[in-house]
Amino acid sequence: MTKILFLNLPAAEQITRRYMCSYPSPESLMPPLELISCAAVVRELNDVDVRLLDCIAEKKMLKDAKKEISEYKPDFILSLSGFECIEQDIDSVKSIKDSFPDTCYIWFGHYASVFAKDILIHSNAQFVVLGEPESIFHELIKMLISGGDISTISGIAFLKDGDFIKNSEGVRIKNPNELPIPAYDLVGNIDNYYEPLLSKPYATIQTMRGCPYSCSYCVKSYGSRLTQLSTERIIEEIKFLQQTHNIKAIRFIDDTFTINKLRVINICEQILEQNINIQWVCLSRTDTLDEEMIKHMKKAGCKRIYFGVESGSQRFLDILGKGVNVKEAIQTLLLCRKAGIETAGFFLSGHPEETAEDNALSIQFAIEAKLNFIAINPIQAYPGTPYYEQVKDNIDFSFYPYKNEWKKGLKDPQFDVYKNRLYAGFYWRWSFVKNNAVLLLTNMHKMVPMTIDFFRYMLWDKKFVIGGIKGKQDI
């Protein structure tokens, strides 16, 4: 029987890897949804055994992963590449290949797709799946098992006799409803996954792939074209997770869950009509919400909405191509608070053109919008995005060894100052405690360790950057 291991690679710190991003997550951890989605697709083949090893959730290091690989003896291993942690990921895969040279190693992910040749050379892996992975990976495994001609498969890259071969780009999956529900049964302990102040057990669902917006700095989930699950399929998946894993909270991990108002309202109505008791959160843009949608979301169990606010400065938002009006954004956020939905804002900083005034406007915005939570991270220019093309002449970039930073003299030396000002200006207020009194008191047992970690991060920890772990560490 063919054995396939789906490996979430180890790291020195707890990180979450997704196709569109990877980032340090000391106080949250999502299930490796893309890996278990690929597992669900490929195990429909005959005589295939699949297994998941999530080294992040199970807190396993490279030596532990090698031990399990030695015991399981997989024919194939599939991993998702990270961003800032990509050098560590490559080194881990190379070490695994050195120990298990007969095992076929396959990568996918944004960086794996953009730098397929480099990742194959440096890791000694055999294949890269380019773009949206499930269908391409399914075809690749089927062809490798049967001994067929892999040159007929679109969307893969490999080395042949030292030459880099990249077949035509993979075609997007037209109807994700045809994909099976991700293989959550492969997850060892569902309680390993969690999100701040949400009920457990916790899971994630991607109801929509792609993003039509033009934020220049974002890596999108497989492109701009939208594909989506039907309302019936979404409800089926929620019920399945409740029945099989007693799931009490879900995060919809779409790039922007609220793009289609009628669709969101329909989902909410079905949750209510079918008496589904579920707590859920999502990511949104302020310009996609209105009061009617917000009310439906609250009634259907929406606890929190995450917003990529980025900045409270209209000037800086325009530089980033966000396409959002600051004053209108504040009004939308206040509607969420009025409806009883928590709001969390993500801010970006560290751009050479950012000023102290931009930072002050972000503090003012966060306060006026009465956000429940905020987080600030340095903006990164990722290859494959329009933003990178705009600034690449000013970026010192190397894929392996990995480096992605402003050239000397351009790096904003004020990022740590701006970060601390924003956190202090927002969190160190009596009005913050007063506005969030119920939330803080009802979750005091969870807030204490989170608060300790927050101040450690804010005041001392300089390792973390948005996208991954900075620097090479022993894993």
Protein backbone atom coordinates (compact mmCIF):
# COMPACT_ATOMS: atom_id res chain seq x y z
CA MET A 1 0.00 0.00 0.00
CA THR A 2 1.25 3.49 -0.88
CA LYS A 3 1.88 5.62 2.20
CA ILE A 4 1.70 9.43 2.16
CA LEU A 5 2.75 11.63 5.07
CA PHE A 6 1.41 15.17 5.32
CA LEU A 7 4.07 16.97 7.33
CA ASN A 8 3.70 20.35 8.99
CA LEU A 9 7.40 21.01 9.46
CA PRO A 10 8.94 21.74 12.87
CA ALA A 11 10.03 25.22 13.93
CA ALA A 12 11.84 26.77 16.85
CA GLU A 13 8.70 28.71 17.85
CA GLN A 14 5.00 28.11 17.40
CA ILE A 15 4.00 29.34 13.95
CA THR A 16 0.96 29.03 11.72
CA ARG A 17 1.63 28.20 8.06
CA ARG A 18 -0.88 28.95 5.35
CA TYR A 19 -0.53 29.27 1.58
CA MET A 20 -1.01 33.05 1.76
CA CYS A 21 1.09 33.69 4.88
CA SER A 22 2.97 32.26 7.80
CA TYR A 23 3.43 34.00 11.11
CA PRO A 24 4.36 33.53 14.77
CA SER A 25 1.30 32.49 16.75
CA PRO A 26 2.24 32.11 20.43
CA GLU A 27 -1.38 32.58 21.54
CA SER A 28 -3.26 30.85 18.70
CA LEU A 29 -2.86 27.94 16.32
CA MET A 30 -4.93 26.96 13.29
CA PRO A 31 -5.19 23.40 12.02
CA PRO A 32 -3.07 22.82 8.85
CA LEU A 33 -6.17 23.05 6.67
CA GLU A 34 -4.43 22.94 3.27
CA LEU A 35 -2.53 19.78 4.24
CA ILE A 36 -5.60 17.88 5.44
CA SER A 37 -7.54 19.09 2.41
CA CYS A 38 -4.90 17.53 0.13
CA ALA A 39 -5.02 14.39 2.28
CA ALA A 40 -8.79 14.11 1.88
CA VAL A 41 -8.49 14.35 -1.91
CA VAL A 42 -5.66 11.89 -2.42
CA ARG A 43 -6.97 9.17 -0.12
CA GLU A 44 -9.83 8.63 -2.55
CA LEU A 45 -7.27 6.76 -4.65
CA ASN A 46 -7.16 2.98 -4.23
CA ASP A 47 -4.64 1.44 -1.83
CA VAL A 48 -3.41 4.73 -0.35
CA ASP A 49 -2.74 5.21 3.35
CA VAL A 50 -2.43 8.78 4.65
CA ARG A 51 -1.14 10.23 7.89
CA LEU A 52 -0.70 13.75 9.30
CA LEU A 53 2.27 14.80 11.42
CA ASP A 54 1.77 18.32 12.71
CA CYS A 55 5.09 19.09 14.38
CA ILE A 56 3.90 22.54 15.43
CA ALA A 57 0.76 21.38 17.24
CA GLU A 58 2.45 18.31 18.69
CA LYS A 59 5.57 20.29 19.66
CA LYS A 60 7.90 17.91 17.86
CA MET A 61 11.38 18.81 16.69
CA LEU A 62 13.19 17.55 13.61
CA LYS A 63 14.61 14.49 15.37
CA ASP A 64 11.07 13.55 16.48
CA ALA A 65 9.77 13.94 12.93
CA LYS A 66 12.57 11.72 11.61
CA LYS A 67 11.72 9.06 14.16
CA GLU A 68 8.08 9.00 13.05
CA ILE A 69 9.09 8.96 9.39
CA SER A 70 11.37 6.00 10.11
CA GLU A 71 8.51 4.13 11.76
CA TYR A 72 5.84 4.98 9.18
CA LYS A 73 8.09 4.62 6.10
CA PRO A 74 6.10 6.87 3.75
CA ASP A 75 6.56 6.70 0.01
CA PHE A 76 5.67 10.39 -0.33
CA ILE A 77 5.80 13.43 1.95
CA LEU A 78 3.96 16.70 1.29
CA SER A 79 4.79 19.95 3.11
CA LEU A 80 3.67 23.58 2.91
CA SER A 81 6.42 26.18 2.61
CA GLY A 82 6.55 29.12 5.00
CA PHE A 83 7.71 32.70 4.47
CA GLU A 84 10.31 34.11 6.89
CA CYS A 85 10.83 30.56 8.15
CA ILE A 86 11.56 29.27 4.63
CA GLU A 87 15.30 28.81 5.25
CA GLN A 88 14.55 26.63 8.26
CA ASP A 89 11.94 24.72 6.26
CA ILE A 90 14.41 24.03 3.45
CA ASP A 91 17.09 22.89 5.87
CA SER A 92 14.62 20.57 7.58
CA VAL A 93 13.53 18.99 4.29
CA LYS A 94 17.14 18.58 3.15
CA SER A 95 17.95 16.83 6.42
CA ILE A 96 14.95 14.54 5.99
CA LYS A 97 15.95 13.75 2.41
CA ASP A 98 19.50 12.98 3.54
CA SER A 99 18.10 10.49 6.05
CA PHE A 100 15.41 9.06 3.75
CA PRO A 101 16.70 9.42 0.17
CA ASP A 102 14.14 6.99 -1.29
CA THR A 103 11.16 9.00 -0.02
CA CYS A 104 9.69 11.34 -2.62
CA TYR A 105 9.32 14.85 -1.16
CA ILE A 106 6.78 17.33 -2.55
CA TRP A 107 6.31 21.01 -1.70
CA PHE A 108 3.51 23.52 -2.24
CA GLY A 109 2.88 27.09 -1.07
CA HIS A 110 3.34 30.64 -2.32
CA TYR A 111 7.11 30.73 -1.92
CA ALA A 112 7.42 27.20 -3.27
CA SER A 113 5.51 28.31 -6.37
CA VAL A 114 7.45 31.55 -6.90
CA PHE A 115 10.89 30.02 -6.20
CA ALA A 116 10.31 26.46 -7.38
CA LYS A 117 13.79 25.99 -8.87
CA ASP A 118 15.58 27.32 -5.79
CA ILE A 119 13.52 25.28 -3.37
CA LEU A 120 14.13 22.07 -5.34
CA ILE A 121 17.88 22.66 -5.56
CA HIS A 122 18.42 23.59 -1.92
CA SER A 123 16.07 21.04 -0.32
CA ASN A 124 16.71 18.05 -2.64
CA ALA A 125 12.94 17.60 -2.91
CA GLN A 126 11.56 16.03 -6.09
CA PHE A 127 8.50 18.13 -6.94
CA VAL A 128 6.75 21.44 -6.37
CA VAL A 129 3.00 21.76 -6.86
CA LEU A 130 2.35 25.22 -8.30
CA GLY A 131 -0.63 27.19 -6.97
CA GLU A 132 -3.89 25.69 -5.72
CA PRO A 133 -2.71 22.24 -4.66
CA GLU A 134 -5.46 19.62 -4.28
CA SER A 135 -6.24 18.59 -7.86
CA ILE A 136 -2.64 18.88 -9.07
CA PHE A 137 -1.31 16.87 -6.13
CA HIS A 138 -3.98 14.21 -6.73
CA GLU A 139 -2.94 13.87 -10.38
CA LEU A 140 0.76 13.82 -9.52
CA ILE A 141 0.39 11.04 -6.94
CA LYS A 142 -1.83 9.01 -9.26
CA MET A 143 0.71 9.31 -12.06
CA LEU A 144 3.69 8.48 -9.82
CA ILE A 145 1.96 5.40 -8.44
CA SER A 146 1.01 4.15 -11.91
CA GLY A 147 4.39 5.00 -13.45
CA GLY A 148 2.78 7.30 -16.00
CA ASP A 149 4.20 10.32 -17.82
CA ILE A 150 4.43 13.27 -15.40
CA SER A 151 5.15 15.65 -18.29
CA THR A 152 1.41 15.61 -19.01
CA ILE A 153 0.56 17.11 -15.60
CA SER A 154 -0.03 20.87 -15.55
CA GLY A 155 1.08 22.80 -12.50
CA ILE A 156 4.20 20.96 -11.35
CA ALA A 157 7.92 21.75 -11.35
CA PHE A 158 10.83 19.33 -10.98
CA LEU A 159 14.48 18.75 -11.84
CA LYS A 160 15.41 16.27 -14.56
CA ASP A 161 19.06 15.45 -15.16
CA GLY A 162 19.94 18.74 -13.50
CA ASP A 163 17.60 20.78 -15.69
CA PHE A 164 14.68 22.69 -14.21
CA ILE A 165 11.35 21.67 -15.74
CA LYS A 166 8.23 23.73 -15.13
CA ASN A 167 5.10 22.40 -16.75
CA SER A 168 2.35 24.83 -17.70
CA GLU A 169 0.69 26.68 -14.85
CA GLY A 170 -1.93 24.71 -12.95
CA VAL A 171 -5.58 25.47 -13.60
CA ARG A 172 -7.64 26.79 -10.69
CA ILE A 173 -10.28 24.48 -9.23
CA LYS A 174 -13.52 25.73 -10.76
CA ASN A 175 -15.88 24.22 -8.21
CA PRO A 176 -14.46 23.67 -4.70
CA ASN A 177 -17.77 22.01 -3.75
CA GLU A 178 -16.42 18.92 -5.53
CA LEU A 179 -13.57 18.65 -3.02
CA PRO A 180 -14.18 16.38 -0.02
CA ILE A 181 -14.37 17.81 3.47
CA PRO A 182 -10.80 18.21 4.81
CA ALA A 183 -9.57 15.13 6.66
CA TYR A 184 -9.98 16.31 10.24
CA ASP A 185 -9.95 12.67 11.34
CA LEU A 186 -6.18 12.73 10.76
CA VAL A 187 -5.73 15.36 13.48
CA GLY A 188 -4.35 13.74 16.62
CA ASN A 189 -5.77 16.10 19.26
CA ILE A 190 -8.19 18.79 18.12
CA ASP A 191 -7.61 20.65 21.39
CA ASN A 192 -4.12 21.53 20.16
CA TYR A 193 -5.77 24.21 18.02
CA TYR A 194 -7.23 27.36 19.51
CA GLU A 195 -7.78 31.09 19.19
CA PRO A 196 -7.80 33.76 21.92
CA LEU A 197 -11.03 33.91 23.92
CA LEU A 198 -12.87 31.42 21.68
CA SER A 199 -14.51 28.21 22.80
CA LYS A 200 -12.82 24.85 22.19
CA PRO A 201 -12.73 22.53 20.31
CA TYR A 202 -11.97 24.87 17.43
CA ALA A 203 -11.65 24.37 13.66
CA THR A 204 -11.34 26.37 10.45
CA ILE A 205 -13.31 26.40 7.21
CA GLN A 206 -12.39 28.11 3.94
CA THR A 207 -15.64 28.98 2.22
CA MET A 208 -14.13 31.11 -0.53
CA ARG A 209 -10.82 31.16 -2.41
CA GLY A 210 -9.26 34.18 -4.04
CA CYS A 211 -9.59 37.91 -3.44
CA PRO A 212 -10.61 40.61 -5.97
CA TYR A 213 -9.18 43.55 -4.03
CA SER A 214 -6.03 45.38 -5.04
CA CYS A 215 -4.08 45.73 -1.78
CA SER A 216 -0.57 45.80 -3.21
CA TYR A 217 1.14 44.04 -0.29
CA CYS A 218 -1.10 40.95 0.07
CA VAL A 219 -0.46 37.39 -1.01
CA LYS A 220 -3.85 36.11 -2.12
CA SER A 221 -5.25 32.61 -1.71
CA TYR A 222 -4.50 31.38 -5.26
CA GLY A 223 -5.33 34.59 -7.11
CA SER A 224 -7.96 37.26 -7.70
CA ARG A 225 -10.72 35.07 -9.14
CA LEU A 226 -13.27 33.99 -6.55
CA THR A 227 -14.50 30.44 -6.16
CA GLN A 228 -16.80 29.52 -3.30
CA LEU A 229 -18.54 26.76 -1.44
CA SER A 230 -22.32 26.69 -1.59
CA THR A 231 -24.30 27.54 1.53
CA GLU A 232 -25.45 23.91 1.68
CA ARG A 233 -21.87 22.65 1.66
CA ILE A 234 -20.81 25.14 4.36
CA ILE A 235 -23.67 24.03 6.62
CA GLU A 236 -22.81 20.39 5.92
CA GLU A 237 -19.19 21.00 6.92
CA ILE A 238 -20.15 22.80 10.14
CA LYS A 239 -22.48 19.96 11.11
CA PHE A 240 -19.85 17.37 10.24
CA LEU A 241 -17.28 19.06 12.47
CA GLN A 242 -19.76 19.32 15.31
CA GLN A 243 -20.76 15.67 15.03
CA THR A 244 -17.28 14.23 14.62
CA HIS A 245 -15.18 16.56 16.79
CA ASN A 246 -17.72 18.40 18.96
CA ILE A 247 -16.51 21.68 17.45
CA LYS A 248 -17.81 24.73 19.34
CA ALA A 249 -16.01 27.53 17.47
CA ILE A 250 -15.03 28.07 13.84
CA ARG A 251 -12.90 30.57 12.01
CA PHE A 252 -13.84 31.22 8.40
CA ILE A 253 -10.39 31.80 6.93
CA ASP A 254 -11.45 33.36 3.62
CA ASP A 255 -9.34 36.34 2.59
CA THR A 256 -12.53 38.41 2.93
CA PHE A 257 -15.55 36.46 4.19
CA THR A 258 -18.00 39.34 3.72
CA ILE A 259 -17.51 40.11 0.02
CA ASN A 260 -21.01 38.96 -0.97
CA LYS A 261 -23.72 40.39 1.28
CA LEU A 262 -26.54 38.11 0.12
CA ARG A 263 -24.35 35.03 0.51
CA VAL A 264 -23.35 35.95 4.06
CA ILE A 265 -26.96 36.64 5.03
CA ASN A 266 -28.03 33.32 3.49
CA ILE A 267 -25.38 31.45 5.49
CA CYS A 268 -26.50 33.20 8.67
CA GLU A 269 -30.16 32.41 8.00
CA GLN A 270 -29.37 28.74 7.45
CA ILE A 271 -27.37 28.57 10.69
CA LEU A 272 -30.40 29.97 12.52
CA GLU A 273 -33.04 27.93 10.69
CA GLN A 274 -31.18 24.67 11.34
CA ASN A 275 -30.60 25.55 15.00
CA ILE A 276 -26.84 25.31 14.72
CA ASN A 277 -25.22 26.54 17.88
CA ILE A 278 -21.74 27.65 16.82
CA GLN A 279 -19.42 30.50 17.75
CA TRP A 280 -17.51 31.90 14.79
CA VAL A 281 -15.09 34.59 13.65
CA CYS A 282 -13.97 35.85 10.23
CA LEU A 283 -11.75 38.30 8.37
CA SER A 284 -13.40 41.29 6.71
CA ARG A 285 -12.96 44.69 5.11
CA THR A 286 -14.87 47.62 6.52
CA ASP A 287 -16.18 48.58 3.07
CA THR A 288 -17.97 45.23 2.65
CA LEU A 289 -20.19 45.49 5.73
CA ASP A 290 -23.41 47.30 6.48
CA GLU A 291 -25.78 47.32 9.44
CA GLU A 292 -28.14 44.70 8.01
CA MET A 293 -25.36 42.19 7.41
CA ILE A 294 -23.80 42.85 10.82
CA LYS A 295 -27.12 42.16 12.59
CA HIS A 296 -27.52 38.85 10.75
CA MET A 297 -23.97 37.86 11.61
CA LYS A 298 -24.46 38.59 15.29
CA LYS A 299 -27.69 36.57 15.48
CA ALA A 300 -25.99 33.61 13.76
CA GLY A 301 -23.17 33.41 16.32
CA CYS A 302 -20.46 35.75 15.02
CA LYS A 303 -18.30 36.62 18.01
CA ARG A 304 -15.46 38.57 16.42
CA ILE A 305 -14.45 40.14 13.12
CA TYR A 306 -10.81 40.70 12.19
CA PHE A 307 -10.05 43.72 10.02
CA GLY A 308 -6.89 44.49 8.08
CA VAL A 309 -7.09 48.13 9.10
CA GLU A 310 -3.37 48.67 8.30
CA SER A 311 -3.39 52.37 9.27
CA GLY A 312 -5.52 55.25 10.50
CA SER A 313 -3.77 57.57 8.07
CA GLN A 314 -5.59 58.06 4.76
CA ARG A 315 -2.31 59.09 3.16
CA PHE A 316 -0.59 55.88 4.21
CA LEU A 317 -3.58 53.72 3.18
CA ASP A 318 -3.45 55.26 -0.28
CA ILE A 319 0.27 54.43 -0.51
CA LEU A 320 -0.60 50.80 0.27
CA GLY A 321 -3.45 50.71 -2.26
CA LYS A 322 -5.96 49.70 0.42
CA GLY A 323 -8.89 51.49 -1.19
CA VAL A 324 -10.66 52.24 2.11
CA ASN A 325 -11.92 55.55 3.50
CA VAL A 326 -10.80 56.11 7.10
CA LYS A 327 -13.91 57.94 8.27
CA GLU A 328 -16.25 55.36 6.75
CA ALA A 329 -14.18 52.56 8.28
CA ILE A 330 -14.63 54.02 11.76
CA GLN A 331 -18.39 54.15 11.32
CA THR A 332 -18.53 50.51 10.22
CA LEU A 333 -16.44 49.40 13.20
CA LEU A 334 -18.73 51.29 15.55
CA LEU A 335 -21.72 49.45 14.02
CA CYS A 336 -20.04 46.16 14.91
CA ARG A 337 -19.49 47.27 18.49
CA LYS A 338 -23.10 48.45 18.68
CA ALA A 339 -24.29 45.01 17.54
CA GLY A 340 -22.14 43.29 20.17
CA ILE A 341 -19.51 41.85 17.82
CA GLU A 342 -15.88 42.12 18.93
CA THR A 343 -13.55 43.92 16.56
CA ALA A 344 -9.81 43.32 16.14
CA GLY A 345 -7.65 45.54 13.95
CA PHE A 346 -4.36 44.58 12.30
CA PHE A 347 -2.00 47.51 11.64
CA LEU A 348 1.14 47.71 9.47
CA SER A 349 4.21 49.83 10.05
CA GLY A 350 7.84 50.09 8.95
CA HIS A 351 7.40 51.65 5.50
CA PRO A 352 10.10 54.23 4.63
CA GLU A 353 7.41 56.83 3.87
CA GLU A 354 5.57 56.33 7.16
CA THR A 355 5.77 59.25 9.59
CA ALA A 356 5.18 59.84 13.28
CA GLU A 357 1.97 61.61 12.27
CA ASP A 358 0.75 58.47 10.48
CA ASN A 359 1.43 56.50 13.66
CA ALA A 360 -0.46 59.04 15.77
CA LEU A 361 -3.42 58.83 13.40
CA SER A 362 -3.47 55.04 13.80
CA ILE A 363 -3.68 55.42 17.58
CA GLN A 364 -6.48 57.93 17.17
CA PHE A 365 -8.30 55.62 14.74
CA ALA A 366 -8.08 52.60 17.05
CA ILE A 367 -9.52 54.62 19.93
CA GLU A 368 -12.30 56.30 17.94
CA ALA A 369 -13.36 53.01 16.38
CA LYS A 370 -13.48 51.40 19.85
CA LEU A 371 -11.59 48.34 18.67
CA ASN A 372 -11.47 45.50 21.19
CA PHE A 373 -7.99 44.38 20.18
CA ILE A 374 -5.17 45.58 17.96
CA ALA A 375 -1.93 44.13 16.64
CA ILE A 376 0.86 45.82 14.71
CA ASN A 377 3.44 44.19 12.48
CA PRO A 378 6.14 45.41 10.11
CA ILE A 379 5.10 45.55 6.49
CA GLN A 380 6.95 43.05 4.30
CA ALA A 381 7.45 43.16 0.54
CA TYR A 382 6.86 39.60 -0.66
CA PRO A 383 7.97 38.51 -4.14
CA GLY A 384 4.93 37.78 -6.25
CA THR A 385 3.02 40.84 -5.03
CA PRO A 386 2.60 44.24 -6.74
CA TYR A 387 4.10 45.91 -3.68
CA TYR A 388 7.34 43.98 -4.10
CA GLU A 389 7.56 45.05 -7.74
CA GLN A 390 7.09 48.68 -6.66
CA VAL A 391 9.87 48.65 -4.05
CA LYS A 392 12.20 45.80 -5.09
CA ASP A 393 15.02 48.17 -6.06
CA ASN A 394 15.09 49.24 -2.42
CA ILE A 395 14.87 45.70 -0.98
CA ASP A 396 17.82 43.53 -0.03
CA PHE A 397 16.35 40.12 -0.91
CA SER A 398 17.88 36.65 -0.91
CA PHE A 399 15.83 33.46 -1.02
CA TYR A 400 18.48 31.15 0.40
CA PRO A 401 19.93 32.10 2.78
CA TYR A 402 16.75 34.05 3.42
CA LYS A 403 16.82 37.83 3.69
CA ASN A 404 14.01 40.29 2.99
CA GLU A 405 14.64 43.77 4.33
CA TRP A 406 15.02 47.39 3.29
CA LYS A 407 18.46 48.34 2.03
CA LYS A 408 20.71 50.16 4.42
CA GLY A 409 19.46 53.67 5.09
CA LEU A 410 15.86 52.90 4.07
CA LYS A 411 14.80 50.67 6.94
CA ASP A 412 12.56 52.72 9.21
CA PRO A 413 14.42 52.79 12.55
CA GLN A 414 11.23 53.88 14.27
CA PHE A 415 9.25 50.64 13.90
CA ASP A 416 9.78 49.48 17.49
CA VAL A 417 9.00 53.00 18.70
CA TYR A 418 5.82 53.15 16.58
CA LYS A 419 4.79 49.66 17.71
CA ASN A 420 5.14 50.51 21.38
CA ARG A 421 3.42 53.86 20.95
CA LEU A 422 0.44 52.21 19.27
CA TYR A 423 0.15 49.46 21.88
CA ALA A 424 0.64 51.84 24.80
CA GLY A 425 -1.65 54.48 23.35
CA PHE A 426 -4.42 51.93 22.83
CA TYR A 427 -4.14 49.41 25.67
CA TRP A 428 -2.89 51.64 28.49
CA ARG A 429 -6.16 53.52 28.88
CA TRP A 430 -8.81 53.36 31.52
CA SER A 431 -11.45 53.61 28.78
CA PHE A 432 -10.07 50.39 27.22
CA VAL A 433 -10.63 48.52 30.48
CA LYS A 434 -14.06 50.11 30.90
CA ASN A 435 -15.20 49.39 27.32
CA ASN A 436 -14.07 45.77 27.60
CA ALA A 437 -14.94 45.12 31.25
CA VAL A 438 -17.36 42.25 30.58
CA LEU A 439 -14.99 40.63 28.08
CA LEU A 440 -12.04 40.93 30.45
CA LEU A 441 -13.85 39.70 33.54
CA THR A 442 -15.54 36.70 31.91
CA ASN A 443 -12.23 35.59 30.42
CA MET A 444 -9.88 36.48 33.26
CA HIS A 445 -8.45 32.94 33.45
CA LYS A 446 -7.42 33.24 29.79
CA MET A 447 -6.35 36.88 29.93
CA VAL A 448 -3.58 36.49 32.51
CA PRO A 449 -1.21 34.30 30.42
CA MET A 450 -2.10 36.25 27.28
CA THR A 451 -1.28 39.53 29.02
CA ILE A 452 2.09 38.19 30.17
CA ASP A 453 2.93 37.04 26.64
CA PHE A 454 1.73 40.35 25.21
CA PHE A 455 4.03 42.45 27.38
CA ARG A 456 6.93 40.06 26.77
CA TYR A 457 6.39 40.49 23.03
CA MET A 458 5.87 44.23 23.20
CA LEU A 459 8.78 45.13 25.44
CA TRP A 460 11.45 42.50 24.90
CA ASP A 461 10.89 40.05 22.08
CA LYS A 462 12.49 41.27 18.84
CA LYS A 463 12.55 37.90 17.04
CA PHE A 464 9.11 37.93 15.51
CA VAL A 465 8.12 39.53 12.24
CA ILE A 466 4.93 39.18 10.24
CA GLY A 467 5.27 36.08 8.10
CA GLY A 468 7.55 33.99 10.24
CA ILE A 469 10.60 33.77 12.43
CA LYS A 470 13.55 36.03 11.87
CA GLY A 471 16.94 34.39 11.70
CA LYS A 472 18.08 30.80 11.62
CA GLN A 473 17.48 28.79 14.76
CA ASP A 474 18.20 25.28 15.91
CA ILE A 475 15.14 23.10 15.43
